[in-house]
Amino acid sequence: MKKFPICVILAGGKSSRMGQDKCLMPFGGAPTLTHYQFEKFGAIFKNVFISAKLDKFDPPLRIIKDTNLSCIIKQKPNLSKIYDEADNPSANPKRKKDADFSPMLAIFSILSNFDSGHIFIIPADMPFVSFECVKRLYEFTDIFDMVVPTDSFHTHSLCGFFSVKLANVAREIYESGEHKIELLQSRCKCKKVGFDNAQEFFNINYFSDYEIATKVKI
């Protein structure tokens, strides 16, 4: 199989639903879910990176560190008016939480590291996405800026191909205080590709999900 250019695996921090960092939990014979995804997608991508706030993996992995809120505020001081918690963390903790864990910030952080092309982004906690899914999504990258899968239940907006041209758009949306990927989709040429097998997009959100996932034959 011809290898695709670049894959970036989203590996966030401690999950409130799990009580621990699920990206560091063992899976599929690999030391962690993240290592499993790294090894899996290394089979079809020339380069695989991990998007994370910290270099927390053992054995080490190739990390793209997330841009943080304070870094952006230094570049655009007026943002301190939007995110008043930059000066007063207790002023609006919910808004701070939304900003700190924003998928829009993650997309900007990833895409701004590359000069051209489309980057395949996938969360570490979606271990069953097939190579055929990736291949089918990639077929639309010549026409669309964003290509993501959808099934009869959900659109999986953080799994798919994103043009690096969207970096500045993602940043503008983030700077406006918004974090929903749907806003990015509305500002670009986005293709939602339908899939019948919703199970391949199974997402590990709770420990019970993890237990189910570890019993699946892979």
Protein backbone atom coordinates (compact mmCIF):
# COMPACT_ATOMS: atom_id res chain seq x y z
CA MET A 1 0.00 0.00 0.00
CA LYS A 2 1.25 3.47 -0.90
CA LYS A 3 1.94 5.42 2.28
CA PHE A 4 0.08 8.62 3.06
CA PRO A 5 2.11 11.69 4.12
CA ILE A 6 1.48 12.64 7.78
CA CYS A 7 -0.61 11.39 10.71
CA VAL A 8 -0.95 13.19 14.04
CA ILE A 9 -2.43 11.38 17.04
CA LEU A 10 -4.22 13.51 19.64
CA ALA A 11 -3.11 12.47 23.12
CA GLY A 12 -4.71 14.69 25.75
CA GLY A 13 -4.10 14.69 29.47
CA LYS A 14 -5.98 13.29 32.44
CA SER A 15 -9.63 12.54 31.71
CA SER A 16 -12.23 13.55 34.31
CA ARG A 17 -14.37 10.62 33.12
CA MET A 18 -11.54 8.12 33.56
CA GLY A 19 -9.75 9.62 36.56
CA GLN A 20 -6.43 9.11 34.77
CA ASP A 21 -4.67 9.78 31.49
CA LYS A 22 -6.29 7.22 29.19
CA CYS A 23 -3.64 7.84 26.53
CA LEU A 24 -1.12 6.16 28.86
CA MET A 25 -3.19 3.04 29.48
CA PRO A 26 -1.85 -0.20 27.91
CA PHE A 27 -3.60 -1.49 24.82
CA GLY A 28 -3.26 -4.15 22.16
CA GLY A 29 0.09 -5.42 23.38
CA ALA A 30 1.58 -1.90 23.25
CA PRO A 31 2.73 0.05 26.34
CA THR A 32 -0.07 2.59 25.86
CA LEU A 33 -3.04 3.41 23.64
CA THR A 34 -0.88 6.11 22.08
CA HIS A 35 1.95 3.68 21.28
CA TYR A 36 -0.62 1.34 19.76
CA GLN A 37 -1.94 4.06 17.47
CA PHE A 38 1.60 5.17 16.63
CA GLU A 39 2.61 1.68 15.57
CA LYS A 40 -0.67 1.01 13.76
CA PHE A 41 -0.68 4.13 11.61
CA GLY A 42 3.05 3.93 11.03
CA ALA A 43 2.18 1.10 8.67
CA ILE A 44 0.37 3.43 6.27
CA PHE A 45 1.87 6.87 6.95
CA LYS A 46 5.38 8.09 6.17
CA ASN A 47 5.47 10.18 9.34
CA VAL A 48 3.49 9.84 12.58
CA PHE A 49 3.54 12.44 15.37
CA ILE A 50 1.83 12.79 18.75
CA SER A 51 0.04 15.99 19.74
CA ALA A 52 0.38 16.45 23.50
CA LYS A 53 1.02 19.11 26.10
CA LEU A 54 3.89 17.14 27.61
CA ASP A 55 6.53 14.64 26.48
CA LYS A 56 5.12 11.94 28.76
CA PHE A 57 5.70 8.71 26.84
CA ASP A 58 8.01 5.81 27.60
CA PRO A 59 9.40 4.69 25.20
CA PRO A 60 9.63 8.22 23.73
CA LEU A 61 7.47 9.24 20.78
CA ARG A 62 7.72 12.09 18.27
CA ILE A 63 5.86 14.95 19.94
CA ILE A 64 4.21 18.08 18.59
CA LYS A 65 3.59 20.12 21.73
CA ASP A 66 0.30 21.96 21.97
CA THR A 67 0.39 25.72 21.67
CA ASN A 68 -0.89 27.04 24.97
CA LEU A 69 -3.18 29.93 25.83
CA SER A 70 -0.46 32.12 27.36
CA CYS A 71 1.63 31.82 24.18
CA ILE A 72 -1.20 33.16 22.03
CA ILE A 73 -2.01 35.96 24.48
CA LYS A 74 1.63 37.12 24.34
CA GLN A 75 1.26 37.46 20.56
CA LYS A 76 -2.15 39.13 20.79
CA PRO A 77 -2.45 40.94 24.15
CA ASN A 78 -6.06 41.95 23.47
CA LEU A 79 -7.03 38.33 24.09
CA SER A 80 -6.59 38.90 27.80
CA LYS A 81 -9.88 40.81 27.58
CA ILE A 82 -11.58 37.74 26.15
CA TYR A 83 -9.91 35.27 28.48
CA ASP A 84 -10.02 37.27 31.69
CA GLU A 85 -8.82 34.20 33.58
CA ALA A 86 -5.34 34.86 32.18
CA ASP A 87 -5.03 37.48 34.92
CA ASN A 88 -7.59 35.99 37.29
CA PRO A 89 -7.83 32.18 36.99
CA SER A 90 -10.86 32.01 39.28
CA ALA A 91 -12.88 34.58 37.33
CA ASN A 92 -14.38 32.11 34.88
CA PRO A 93 -13.07 28.57 35.42
CA LYS A 94 -15.44 27.00 32.86
CA ARG A 95 -14.22 29.28 30.11
CA LYS A 96 -10.64 28.60 31.09
CA LYS A 97 -11.29 24.85 30.95
CA ASP A 98 -12.89 25.20 27.50
CA ALA A 99 -9.94 27.24 26.25
CA ASP A 100 -7.25 25.00 27.71
CA PHE A 101 -8.77 21.82 26.22
CA SER A 102 -10.05 23.34 22.99
CA PRO A 103 -10.06 21.09 19.92
CA MET A 104 -9.71 24.29 17.88
CA LEU A 105 -6.44 25.08 19.64
CA ALA A 106 -5.24 21.52 19.05
CA ILE A 107 -5.98 21.79 15.33
CA PHE A 108 -4.16 25.12 15.09
CA SER A 109 -1.20 23.73 17.05
CA ILE A 110 -0.91 20.75 14.71
CA LEU A 111 -1.48 22.42 11.34
CA SER A 112 0.84 25.34 12.07
CA ASN A 113 3.78 22.90 12.17
CA PHE A 114 3.47 22.03 8.48
CA ASP A 115 3.84 23.95 5.23
CA SER A 116 1.47 22.24 2.83
CA GLY A 117 -0.84 19.31 2.19
CA HIS A 118 -3.43 17.57 4.35
CA ILE A 119 -2.70 16.14 7.80
CA PHE A 120 -4.60 13.11 9.08
CA ILE A 121 -5.65 13.72 12.69
CA ILE A 122 -7.05 11.01 14.95
CA PRO A 123 -7.57 10.76 18.73
CA ALA A 124 -5.53 8.16 20.58
CA ASP A 125 -8.76 6.79 22.07
CA MET A 126 -10.23 5.69 18.70
CA PRO A 127 -8.23 2.49 18.15
CA PHE A 128 -10.46 0.72 15.61
CA VAL A 129 -10.49 3.14 12.66
CA SER A 130 -9.61 1.05 9.62
CA PHE A 131 -7.01 1.63 6.93
CA GLU A 132 -9.82 1.46 4.39
CA CYS A 133 -11.50 4.38 6.14
CA VAL A 134 -8.30 6.43 5.88
CA LYS A 135 -7.93 5.54 2.21
CA ARG A 136 -11.51 6.52 1.42
CA LEU A 137 -11.23 9.85 3.25
CA TYR A 138 -7.97 10.65 1.48
CA GLU A 139 -9.64 10.32 -1.92
CA PHE A 140 -11.45 13.63 -1.32
CA THR A 141 -8.43 15.71 -0.26
CA ASP A 142 -7.85 17.05 -3.78
CA ILE A 143 -11.18 18.86 -3.61
CA PHE A 144 -11.91 19.56 0.06
CA ASP A 145 -10.08 21.35 2.90
CA MET A 146 -11.47 19.00 5.54
CA VAL A 147 -12.63 15.40 5.13
CA VAL A 148 -14.19 13.61 8.12
CA PRO A 149 -16.21 10.41 8.59
CA THR A 150 -19.83 10.23 9.62
CA ASP A 151 -22.07 7.29 10.51
CA SER A 152 -25.74 6.93 11.40
CA PHE A 153 -25.07 8.31 14.89
CA HIS A 154 -22.31 10.93 14.76
CA THR A 155 -19.97 12.99 12.65
CA HIS A 156 -16.45 12.35 13.93
CA SER A 157 -15.06 15.84 13.52
CA LEU A 158 -11.66 15.19 15.11
CA CYS A 159 -10.87 12.22 12.88
CA GLY A 160 -9.94 13.00 9.31
CA PHE A 161 -7.82 14.99 6.91
CA PHE A 162 -7.25 18.72 7.51
CA SER A 163 -5.54 21.08 5.07
CA VAL A 164 -2.71 23.07 6.63
CA LYS A 165 -4.41 26.13 5.07
CA LEU A 166 -6.95 25.88 7.90
CA ALA A 167 -4.39 26.74 10.59
CA ASN A 168 -5.06 30.48 10.57
CA VAL A 169 -8.82 29.97 10.36
CA ALA A 170 -8.69 27.67 13.40
CA ARG A 171 -6.65 30.26 15.25
CA GLU A 172 -9.11 33.07 14.40
CA ILE A 173 -12.03 30.97 15.67
CA TYR A 174 -10.13 30.09 18.84
CA GLU A 175 -9.22 33.74 19.43
CA SER A 176 -12.91 34.65 19.17
CA GLY A 177 -13.56 32.39 22.16
CA GLU A 178 -15.20 29.59 20.20
CA HIS A 179 -14.09 25.95 20.21
CA LYS A 180 -16.57 23.88 18.20
CA ILE A 181 -15.22 22.15 15.10
CA GLU A 182 -18.54 22.79 13.35
CA LEU A 183 -17.53 26.45 13.06
CA LEU A 184 -14.34 25.46 11.26
CA GLN A 185 -16.36 23.21 8.96
CA SER A 186 -18.66 26.11 8.09
CA ARG A 187 -15.70 28.25 7.04
CA CYS A 188 -14.08 25.80 4.65
CA LYS A 189 -14.87 23.19 2.01
CA CYS A 190 -15.76 20.24 4.22
CA LYS A 191 -16.70 16.75 3.06
CA LYS A 192 -18.48 14.34 5.42
CA VAL A 193 -18.02 10.80 4.16
CA GLY A 194 -20.62 8.25 5.25
CA PHE A 195 -19.66 4.87 6.74
CA ASP A 196 -21.93 1.97 7.67
CA ASN A 197 -19.75 0.45 10.39
CA ALA A 198 -20.14 2.78 13.35
CA GLN A 199 -18.13 0.40 15.54
CA GLU A 200 -14.85 1.37 13.94
CA PHE A 201 -15.32 4.83 15.42
CA PHE A 202 -15.75 3.45 18.94
CA ASN A 203 -14.39 6.03 21.38
CA ILE A 204 -12.91 5.19 24.79
CA ASN A 205 -14.46 7.74 27.15
CA TYR A 206 -15.05 5.68 30.28
CA PHE A 207 -13.23 2.83 31.98
CA SER A 208 -16.07 0.53 30.94
CA ASP A 209 -15.33 1.51 27.32
CA TYR A 210 -11.69 0.63 27.87
CA GLU A 211 -12.66 -2.79 29.23
CA ILE A 212 -14.84 -3.40 26.17
CA ALA A 213 -12.10 -2.25 23.80
CA THR A 214 -9.45 -4.51 25.34
CA LYS A 215 -11.66 -7.53 24.62
CA VAL A 216 -12.07 -6.75 20.92
CA LYS A 217 -10.00 -8.92 18.62
CA ILE A 218 -7.65 -6.67 16.63
